[in-house]
Amino acid sequence: MKKLVVLTGAGISAESGISTFRDSNGLWENHRIEEVASPEAWEKDPEMVLRFYNIRRKQLFEVEPNEGHKALVRLEEKFDVHIVTQNVDDLHERAGSSHVLHLHGELKKVRSTGDPSLVYMLDHWELKMGDVCEKGHQLRPHIVWFGEPVPMFEKALDIARQADVFLVIGTSMVVYPAAGLISYTKPEIPKYYVDPKAFPVSGVSHLTVIQEKAGEGVPKLVNELLGLA
């Protein structure tokens, strides 16, 4: 069975109603995103950081996967599908995708500030100061903040290198290191880029550009790929 690898970004989740940083020019309540999503922000004002993620988490409990998420699940009928997502939501999992790697962390998970190996799943949307791990350390969002390393990137690289087909969906292809994954795929494999602002990527061969939203373009592409398989 051929390995099909999908890189997804904010665009696919936006169609489920999840607001993106780009919608607000990179601002949240007049704060630059870096001011609420960085280790420095946590040190300076952890309550503000928690409020930012609580609002996002609350919204996540209120939305559902869209046709783009659902269509990707159908690919598992004929492909070994692995999704690498820049998104911190769980919409791929809720749609039914079997293999999802989160590059930037997961919104519904929290971890210990004293022992990063202690990671917990939240069944509610609110994380507060005073919520601690079993060792007594404050819990923080299980998110890769600006300025922090991306621990899952090496695994994502390995997955990209093994791809027989590579899809890019709903991303601007300007956020690194994720945007660089396509450069590590085998030159000869077919690649597809679905986004309203999709463009030919310099140095990438055999790339088909589909300038549509994920909810429209992905189901059509999935039908085509299943037909070819």
C-alpha atoms as a PDB file:
ATOM      1  CA  MET A   1       0.000   0.000   0.000  1.00  0.00           C
ATOM      2  CA  LYS A   2       1.423   3.375  -1.009  1.00  0.00           C
ATOM      3  CA  LYS A   3       2.220   5.908   1.703  1.00  0.00           C
ATOM      4  CA  LEU A   4       0.299   9.165   1.319  1.00  0.00           C
ATOM      5  CA  VAL A   5       1.467  12.028   3.536  1.00  0.00           C
ATOM      6  CA  VAL A   6      -0.601  15.152   4.182  1.00  0.00           C
ATOM      7  CA  LEU A   7       0.648  18.445   5.618  1.00  0.00           C
ATOM      8  CA  THR A   8      -2.236  20.575   6.906  1.00  0.00           C
ATOM      9  CA  GLY A   9      -2.386  24.131   8.189  1.00  0.00           C
ATOM     10  CA  ALA A  10      -4.807  26.679   9.595  1.00  0.00           C
ATOM     11  CA  GLY A  11      -6.880  26.907   6.413  1.00  0.00           C
ATOM     12  CA  ILE A  12      -8.508  23.505   6.827  1.00  0.00           C
ATOM     13  CA  SER A  13      -9.549  24.269  10.417  1.00  0.00           C
ATOM     14  CA  ALA A  14     -10.776  27.772   9.559  1.00  0.00           C
ATOM     15  CA  GLU A  15     -13.615  26.208   7.574  1.00  0.00           C
ATOM     16  CA  SER A  16     -14.857  24.578  10.776  1.00  0.00           C
ATOM     17  CA  GLY A  17     -15.072  28.030  12.370  1.00  0.00           C
ATOM     18  CA  ILE A  18     -11.728  28.108  14.162  1.00  0.00           C
ATOM     19  CA  SER A  19     -10.277  31.602  13.922  1.00  0.00           C
ATOM     20  CA  THR A  20      -6.716  31.911  12.655  1.00  0.00           C
ATOM     21  CA  PHE A  21      -4.039  34.411  13.580  1.00  0.00           C
ATOM     22  CA  ARG A  22      -4.111  35.728  10.028  1.00  0.00           C
ATOM     23  CA  ASP A  23      -7.779  36.691  10.414  1.00  0.00           C
ATOM     24  CA  SER A  24      -6.831  39.349  12.952  1.00  0.00           C
ATOM     25  CA  ASN A  25      -3.533  40.480  11.417  1.00  0.00           C
ATOM     26  CA  GLY A  26      -1.699  38.403  13.982  1.00  0.00           C
ATOM     27  CA  LEU A  27      -3.373  40.151  16.913  1.00  0.00           C
ATOM     28  CA  TRP A  28      -5.409  38.965  19.896  1.00  0.00           C
ATOM     29  CA  GLU A  29      -7.024  41.671  22.025  1.00  0.00           C
ATOM     30  CA  ASN A  30      -4.446  44.090  20.570  1.00  0.00           C
ATOM     31  CA  HIS A  31      -1.590  41.826  21.647  1.00  0.00           C
ATOM     32  CA  ARG A  32       0.794  40.397  19.071  1.00  0.00           C
ATOM     33  CA  ILE A  33       0.536  36.612  19.098  1.00  0.00           C
ATOM     34  CA  GLU A  34       4.176  36.374  20.166  1.00  0.00           C
ATOM     35  CA  GLU A  35       3.179  38.283  23.313  1.00  0.00           C
ATOM     36  CA  VAL A  36       0.764  35.536  24.395  1.00  0.00           C
ATOM     37  CA  ALA A  37       2.391  32.443  22.872  1.00  0.00           C
ATOM     38  CA  SER A  38       5.998  32.466  24.061  1.00  0.00           C
ATOM     39  CA  PRO A  39       8.033  31.432  27.098  1.00  0.00           C
ATOM     40  CA  GLU A  40       8.594  35.130  27.830  1.00  0.00           C
ATOM     41  CA  ALA A  41       4.818  35.743  27.888  1.00  0.00           C
ATOM     42  CA  TRP A  42       4.382  32.854  30.312  1.00  0.00           C
ATOM     43  CA  GLU A  43       7.024  34.278  32.631  1.00  0.00           C
ATOM     44  CA  LYS A  44       5.554  37.775  32.454  1.00  0.00           C
ATOM     45  CA  ASP A  45       1.816  37.083  32.632  1.00  0.00           C
ATOM     46  CA  PRO A  46       0.812  33.400  32.854  1.00  0.00           C
ATOM     47  CA  GLU A  47      -2.831  34.253  33.571  1.00  0.00           C
ATOM     48  CA  MET A  48      -3.102  36.111  30.252  1.00  0.00           C
ATOM     49  CA  VAL A  49      -1.523  33.160  28.436  1.00  0.00           C
ATOM     50  CA  LEU A  50      -3.948  30.737  30.076  1.00  0.00           C
ATOM     51  CA  ARG A  51      -6.907  32.961  29.166  1.00  0.00           C
ATOM     52  CA  PHE A  52      -5.786  33.054  25.524  1.00  0.00           C
ATOM     53  CA  TYR A  53      -5.644  29.264  25.322  1.00  0.00           C
ATOM     54  CA  ASN A  54      -8.824  28.801  27.360  1.00  0.00           C
ATOM     55  CA  ILE A  55     -10.729  30.877  24.812  1.00  0.00           C
ATOM     56  CA  ARG A  56      -9.282  28.830  21.964  1.00  0.00           C
ATOM     57  CA  ARG A  57      -9.977  25.559  23.784  1.00  0.00           C
ATOM     58  CA  LYS A  58     -13.571  26.550  24.558  1.00  0.00           C
ATOM     59  CA  GLN A  59     -14.110  27.284  20.881  1.00  0.00           C
ATOM     60  CA  LEU A  60     -12.664  23.887  19.943  1.00  0.00           C
ATOM     61  CA  PHE A  61     -15.295  22.117  22.043  1.00  0.00           C
ATOM     62  CA  GLU A  62     -17.966  23.940  19.995  1.00  0.00           C
ATOM     63  CA  VAL A  63     -16.858  23.114  16.412  1.00  0.00           C
ATOM     64  CA  GLU A  64     -16.886  19.991  14.242  1.00  0.00           C
ATOM     65  CA  PRO A  65     -14.688  18.531  11.464  1.00  0.00           C
ATOM     66  CA  ASN A  66     -15.581  19.763   7.984  1.00  0.00           C
ATOM     67  CA  GLU A  67     -15.717  18.098   4.562  1.00  0.00           C
ATOM     68  CA  GLY A  68     -11.967  18.533   4.105  1.00  0.00           C
ATOM     69  CA  HIS A  69     -11.174  16.600   7.280  1.00  0.00           C
ATOM     70  CA  LYS A  70     -13.726  13.917   6.438  1.00  0.00           C
ATOM     71  CA  ALA A  71     -12.489  13.450   2.878  1.00  0.00           C
ATOM     72  CA  LEU A  72      -8.944  12.736   4.074  1.00  0.00           C
ATOM     73  CA  VAL A  73     -10.260   9.798   6.119  1.00  0.00           C
ATOM     74  CA  ARG A  74     -11.560   8.166   2.934  1.00  0.00           C
ATOM     75  CA  LEU A  75      -8.020   7.984   1.563  1.00  0.00           C
ATOM     76  CA  GLU A  76      -7.299   5.264   4.138  1.00  0.00           C
ATOM     77  CA  GLU A  77      -9.367   2.904   1.981  1.00  0.00           C
ATOM     78  CA  LYS A  78      -6.475   2.606  -0.480  1.00  0.00           C
ATOM     79  CA  PHE A  79      -3.460   4.403   1.040  1.00  0.00           C
ATOM     80  CA  ASP A  80      -1.325   4.271   4.166  1.00  0.00           C
ATOM     81  CA  VAL A  81      -2.215   7.822   5.239  1.00  0.00           C
ATOM     82  CA  HIS A  82      -0.141   9.903   7.646  1.00  0.00           C
ATOM     83  CA  ILE A  83      -1.209  13.450   8.510  1.00  0.00           C
ATOM     84  CA  VAL A  84       1.340  15.976   9.729  1.00  0.00           C
ATOM     85  CA  THR A  85      -0.546  19.007  11.002  1.00  0.00           C
ATOM     86  CA  GLN A  86       0.516  22.453  12.124  1.00  0.00           C
ATOM     87  CA  ASN A  87      -2.866  22.773  13.851  1.00  0.00           C
ATOM     88  CA  VAL A  88      -3.323  22.256  17.576  1.00  0.00           C
ATOM     89  CA  ASP A  89      -6.963  21.176  17.314  1.00  0.00           C
ATOM     90  CA  ASP A  90      -8.163  17.551  17.247  1.00  0.00           C
ATOM     91  CA  LEU A  91     -10.440  17.814  14.209  1.00  0.00           C
ATOM     92  CA  HIS A  92      -8.480  15.251  12.164  1.00  0.00           C
ATOM     93  CA  GLU A  93      -8.811  12.720  14.970  1.00  0.00           C
ATOM     94  CA  ARG A  94     -12.497  13.462  15.453  1.00  0.00           C
ATOM     95  CA  ALA A  95     -13.098  13.032  11.723  1.00  0.00           C
ATOM     96  CA  GLY A  96     -11.560   9.547  11.996  1.00  0.00           C
ATOM     97  CA  SER A  97      -7.982   9.842  10.712  1.00  0.00           C
ATOM     98  CA  SER A  98      -5.794   7.081  12.160  1.00  0.00           C
ATOM     99  CA  HIS A  99      -2.295   8.591  12.064  1.00  0.00           C
ATOM    100  CA  VAL A 100      -1.956  12.265  13.040  1.00  0.00           C
ATOM    101  CA  LEU A 101       1.284  13.938  14.105  1.00  0.00           C
ATOM    102  CA  HIS A 102       0.963  17.389  15.694  1.00  0.00           C
ATOM    103  CA  LEU A 103       3.992  19.571  15.008  1.00  0.00           C
ATOM    104  CA  HIS A 104       2.958  22.438  17.265  1.00  0.00           C
ATOM    105  CA  GLY A 105       1.319  20.581  20.149  1.00  0.00           C
ATOM    106  CA  GLU A 106      -2.276  19.848  21.104  1.00  0.00           C
ATOM    107  CA  LEU A 107      -4.790  22.269  22.566  1.00  0.00           C
ATOM    108  CA  LYS A 108      -6.658  19.669  24.606  1.00  0.00           C
ATOM    109  CA  LYS A 109      -3.462  18.536  26.340  1.00  0.00           C
ATOM    110  CA  VAL A 110      -1.516  20.225  29.140  1.00  0.00           C
ATOM    111  CA  ARG A 111       1.857  19.449  30.660  1.00  0.00           C
ATOM    112  CA  SER A 112       3.867  20.001  33.809  1.00  0.00           C
ATOM    113  CA  THR A 113       6.150  23.033  33.973  1.00  0.00           C
ATOM    114  CA  GLY A 114       8.463  21.050  36.238  1.00  0.00           C
ATOM    115  CA  ASP A 115       8.520  17.737  34.341  1.00  0.00           C
ATOM    116  CA  PRO A 116       7.715  18.080  30.613  1.00  0.00           C
ATOM    117  CA  SER A 117       7.251  14.309  30.328  1.00  0.00           C
ATOM    118  CA  LEU A 118       4.049  14.613  32.374  1.00  0.00           C
ATOM    119  CA  VAL A 119       1.337  15.312  29.787  1.00  0.00           C
ATOM    120  CA  TYR A 120      -2.390  15.144  30.510  1.00  0.00           C
ATOM    121  CA  MET A 121      -5.575  15.224  28.418  1.00  0.00           C
ATOM    122  CA  LEU A 122      -8.169  17.820  29.471  1.00  0.00           C
ATOM    123  CA  ASP A 123     -11.842  16.882  29.334  1.00  0.00           C
ATOM    124  CA  HIS A 124     -12.890  20.504  29.833  1.00  0.00           C
ATOM    125  CA  TRP A 125     -11.834  23.836  28.345  1.00  0.00           C
ATOM    126  CA  GLU A 126     -10.473  25.791  31.315  1.00  0.00           C
ATOM    127  CA  LEU A 127      -6.924  25.582  32.711  1.00  0.00           C
ATOM    128  CA  LYS A 128      -6.254  27.835  35.714  1.00  0.00           C
ATOM    129  CA  MET A 129      -3.389  28.994  37.863  1.00  0.00           C
ATOM    130  CA  GLY A 130      -3.175  26.513  40.710  1.00  0.00           C
ATOM    131  CA  ASP A 131      -3.889  23.515  38.481  1.00  0.00           C
ATOM    132  CA  VAL A 132      -0.851  21.328  39.113  1.00  0.00           C
ATOM    133  CA  CYS A 133       0.640  17.981  38.119  1.00  0.00           C
ATOM    134  CA  GLU A 134       1.102  15.086  40.532  1.00  0.00           C
ATOM    135  CA  LYS A 135       4.472  16.562  41.533  1.00  0.00           C
ATOM    136  CA  GLY A 136       2.925  19.904  42.445  1.00  0.00           C
ATOM    137  CA  HIS A 137       4.111  21.922  39.428  1.00  0.00           C
ATOM    138  CA  GLN A 138       1.817  24.344  37.592  1.00  0.00           C
ATOM    139  CA  LEU A 139       0.354  22.990  34.359  1.00  0.00           C
ATOM    140  CA  ARG A 140       0.841  24.861  31.062  1.00  0.00           C
ATOM    141  CA  PRO A 141      -0.616  24.389  27.569  1.00  0.00           C
ATOM    142  CA  HIS A 142       0.979  21.495  25.656  1.00  0.00           C
ATOM    143  CA  ILE A 143       1.838  23.856  22.816  1.00  0.00           C
ATOM    144  CA  VAL A 144       5.083  24.667  21.006  1.00  0.00           C
ATOM    145  CA  TRP A 145       5.480  28.379  21.646  1.00  0.00           C
ATOM    146  CA  PHE A 146       7.418  30.888  19.564  1.00  0.00           C
ATOM    147  CA  GLY A 147      11.106  30.453  20.311  1.00  0.00           C
ATOM    148  CA  GLU A 148      10.750  26.837  21.445  1.00  0.00           C
ATOM    149  CA  PRO A 149      12.119  23.843  19.494  1.00  0.00           C
ATOM    150  CA  VAL A 150       9.706  21.702  17.467  1.00  0.00           C
ATOM    151  CA  PRO A 151      10.351  18.256  18.988  1.00  0.00           C
ATOM    152  CA  MET A 152       8.241  16.300  16.481  1.00  0.00           C
ATOM    153  CA  PHE A 153       9.931  17.760  13.394  1.00  0.00           C
ATOM    154  CA  GLU A 154      12.500  14.972  12.972  1.00  0.00           C
ATOM    155  CA  LYS A 155       9.702  12.403  13.006  1.00  0.00           C
ATOM    156  CA  ALA A 156       7.789  14.505  10.458  1.00  0.00           C
ATOM    157  CA  LEU A 157      10.896  14.577   8.255  1.00  0.00           C
ATOM    158  CA  ASP A 158      11.123  10.786   8.332  1.00  0.00           C
ATOM    159  CA  ILE A 159       7.467  10.509   7.333  1.00  0.00           C
ATOM    160  CA  ALA A 160       7.860  13.037   4.483  1.00  0.00           C
ATOM    161  CA  ARG A 161      10.911  11.222   3.091  1.00  0.00           C
ATOM    162  CA  GLN A 162       8.901   7.987   2.850  1.00  0.00           C
ATOM    163  CA  ALA A 163       5.946   9.534   0.998  1.00  0.00           C
ATOM    164  CA  ASP A 164       4.765   8.098  -2.322  1.00  0.00           C
ATOM    165  CA  VAL A 165       2.216  10.917  -2.626  1.00  0.00           C
ATOM    166  CA  PHE A 166       2.392  14.252  -0.774  1.00  0.00           C
ATOM    167  CA  LEU A 167      -0.485  16.669  -0.132  1.00  0.00           C
ATOM    168  CA  VAL A 168      -0.295  20.193   1.285  1.00  0.00           C
ATOM    169  CA  ILE A 169      -3.639  21.613   2.453  1.00  0.00           C
ATOM    170  CA  GLY A 170      -4.675  24.958   3.920  1.00  0.00           C
ATOM    171  CA  THR A 171      -1.281  26.450   4.660  1.00  0.00           C
ATOM    172  CA  SER A 172       0.539  29.529   3.418  1.00  0.00           C
ATOM    173  CA  MET A 173       3.816  27.580   3.105  1.00  0.00           C
ATOM    174  CA  VAL A 174       5.700  30.402   4.821  1.00  0.00           C
ATOM    175  CA  VAL A 175       5.835  29.036   8.400  1.00  0.00           C
ATOM    176  CA  TYR A 176       9.033  27.104   8.972  1.00  0.00           C
ATOM    177  CA  PRO A 177      10.148  24.461   9.663  1.00  0.00           C
ATOM    178  CA  ALA A 178       6.845  22.907   8.497  1.00  0.00           C
ATOM    179  CA  ALA A 179       6.920  24.617   5.097  1.00  0.00           C
ATOM    180  CA  GLY A 180      10.248  22.948   4.367  1.00  0.00           C
ATOM    181  CA  LEU A 181       8.876  19.394   4.604  1.00  0.00           C
ATOM    182  CA  ILE A 182       7.921  19.283   0.923  1.00  0.00           C
ATOM    183  CA  SER A 183      11.579  19.829   0.009  1.00  0.00           C
ATOM    184  CA  TYR A 184      12.479  16.532   1.693  1.00  0.00           C
ATOM    185  CA  THR A 185      10.090  14.426  -0.376  1.00  0.00           C
ATOM    186  CA  LYS A 186      11.351  12.322  -3.269  1.00  0.00           C
ATOM    187  CA  PRO A 187      11.538  14.537  -6.388  1.00  0.00           C
ATOM    188  CA  GLU A 188       9.642  12.105  -8.613  1.00  0.00           C
ATOM    189  CA  ILE A 189       6.498  11.632  -6.479  1.00  0.00           C
ATOM    190  CA  PRO A 190       3.215  13.447  -7.244  1.00  0.00           C
ATOM    191  CA  LYS A 191       2.512  16.410  -4.982  1.00  0.00           C
ATOM    192  CA  TYR A 192      -0.646  18.478  -4.569  1.00  0.00           C
ATOM    193  CA  TYR A 193      -1.140  21.886  -2.944  1.00  0.00           C
ATOM    194  CA  VAL A 194      -4.724  22.853  -2.045  1.00  0.00           C
ATOM    195  CA  ASP A 195      -5.326  26.406  -0.820  1.00  0.00           C
ATOM    196  CA  PRO A 196      -7.102  29.489  -2.226  1.00  0.00           C
ATOM    197  CA  LYS A 197      -3.696  31.194  -2.362  1.00  0.00           C
ATOM    198  CA  ALA A 198      -1.686  28.143  -3.447  1.00  0.00           C
ATOM    199  CA  PHE A 199       1.290  28.852  -5.688  1.00  0.00           C
ATOM    200  CA  PRO A 200       4.049  26.915  -7.507  1.00  0.00           C
ATOM    201  CA  VAL A 201       6.777  26.186  -4.962  1.00  0.00           C
ATOM    202  CA  SER A 202      10.289  26.964  -6.146  1.00  0.00           C
ATOM    203  CA  GLY A 203      12.433  23.887  -6.611  1.00  0.00           C
ATOM    204  CA  VAL A 204       9.538  21.438  -6.176  1.00  0.00           C
ATOM    205  CA  SER A 205       8.753  19.254  -9.182  1.00  0.00           C
ATOM    206  CA  HIS A 206       5.571  17.321 -10.073  1.00  0.00           C
ATOM    207  CA  LEU A 207       3.441  19.759  -8.064  1.00  0.00           C
ATOM    208  CA  THR A 208      -0.241  20.287  -8.909  1.00  0.00           C
ATOM    209  CA  VAL A 209      -1.630  23.565  -7.565  1.00  0.00           C
ATOM    210  CA  ILE A 210      -5.351  23.642  -6.670  1.00  0.00           C
ATOM    211  CA  GLN A 211      -6.559  27.127  -5.713  1.00  0.00           C
ATOM    212  CA  GLU A 212      -9.626  26.134  -3.728  1.00  0.00           C
ATOM    213  CA  LYS A 213     -10.681  25.947  -0.099  1.00  0.00           C
ATOM    214  CA  ALA A 214     -10.076  22.622   1.606  1.00  0.00           C
ATOM    215  CA  GLY A 215     -13.783  21.858   1.957  1.00  0.00           C
ATOM    216  CA  GLU A 216     -14.195  22.077  -1.816  1.00  0.00           C
ATOM    217  CA  GLY A 217     -10.830  21.070  -3.247  1.00  0.00           C
ATOM    218  CA  VAL A 218      -9.939  18.162  -0.959  1.00  0.00           C
ATOM    219  CA  PRO A 219     -13.056  16.005  -1.597  1.00  0.00           C
ATOM    220  CA  LYS A 220     -12.513  16.363  -5.361  1.00  0.00           C
ATOM    221  CA  LEU A 221      -8.812  15.538  -5.049  1.00  0.00           C
ATOM    222  CA  VAL A 222      -9.586  12.536  -2.842  1.00  0.00           C
ATOM    223  CA  ASN A 223     -12.026  11.184  -5.449  1.00  0.00           C
ATOM    224  CA  GLU A 224      -9.339  11.578  -8.111  1.00  0.00           C
ATOM    225  CA  LEU A 225      -6.653   9.857  -6.020  1.00  0.00           C
ATOM    226  CA  LEU A 226      -8.949   6.965  -5.071  1.00  0.00           C
ATOM    227  CA  GLY A 227      -9.831   6.543  -8.742  1.00  0.00           C
ATOM    228  CA  LEU A 228      -6.172   6.429  -9.748  1.00  0.00           C
ATOM    229  CA  ALA A 229      -5.380   3.924  -6.963  1.00  0.00           C
END
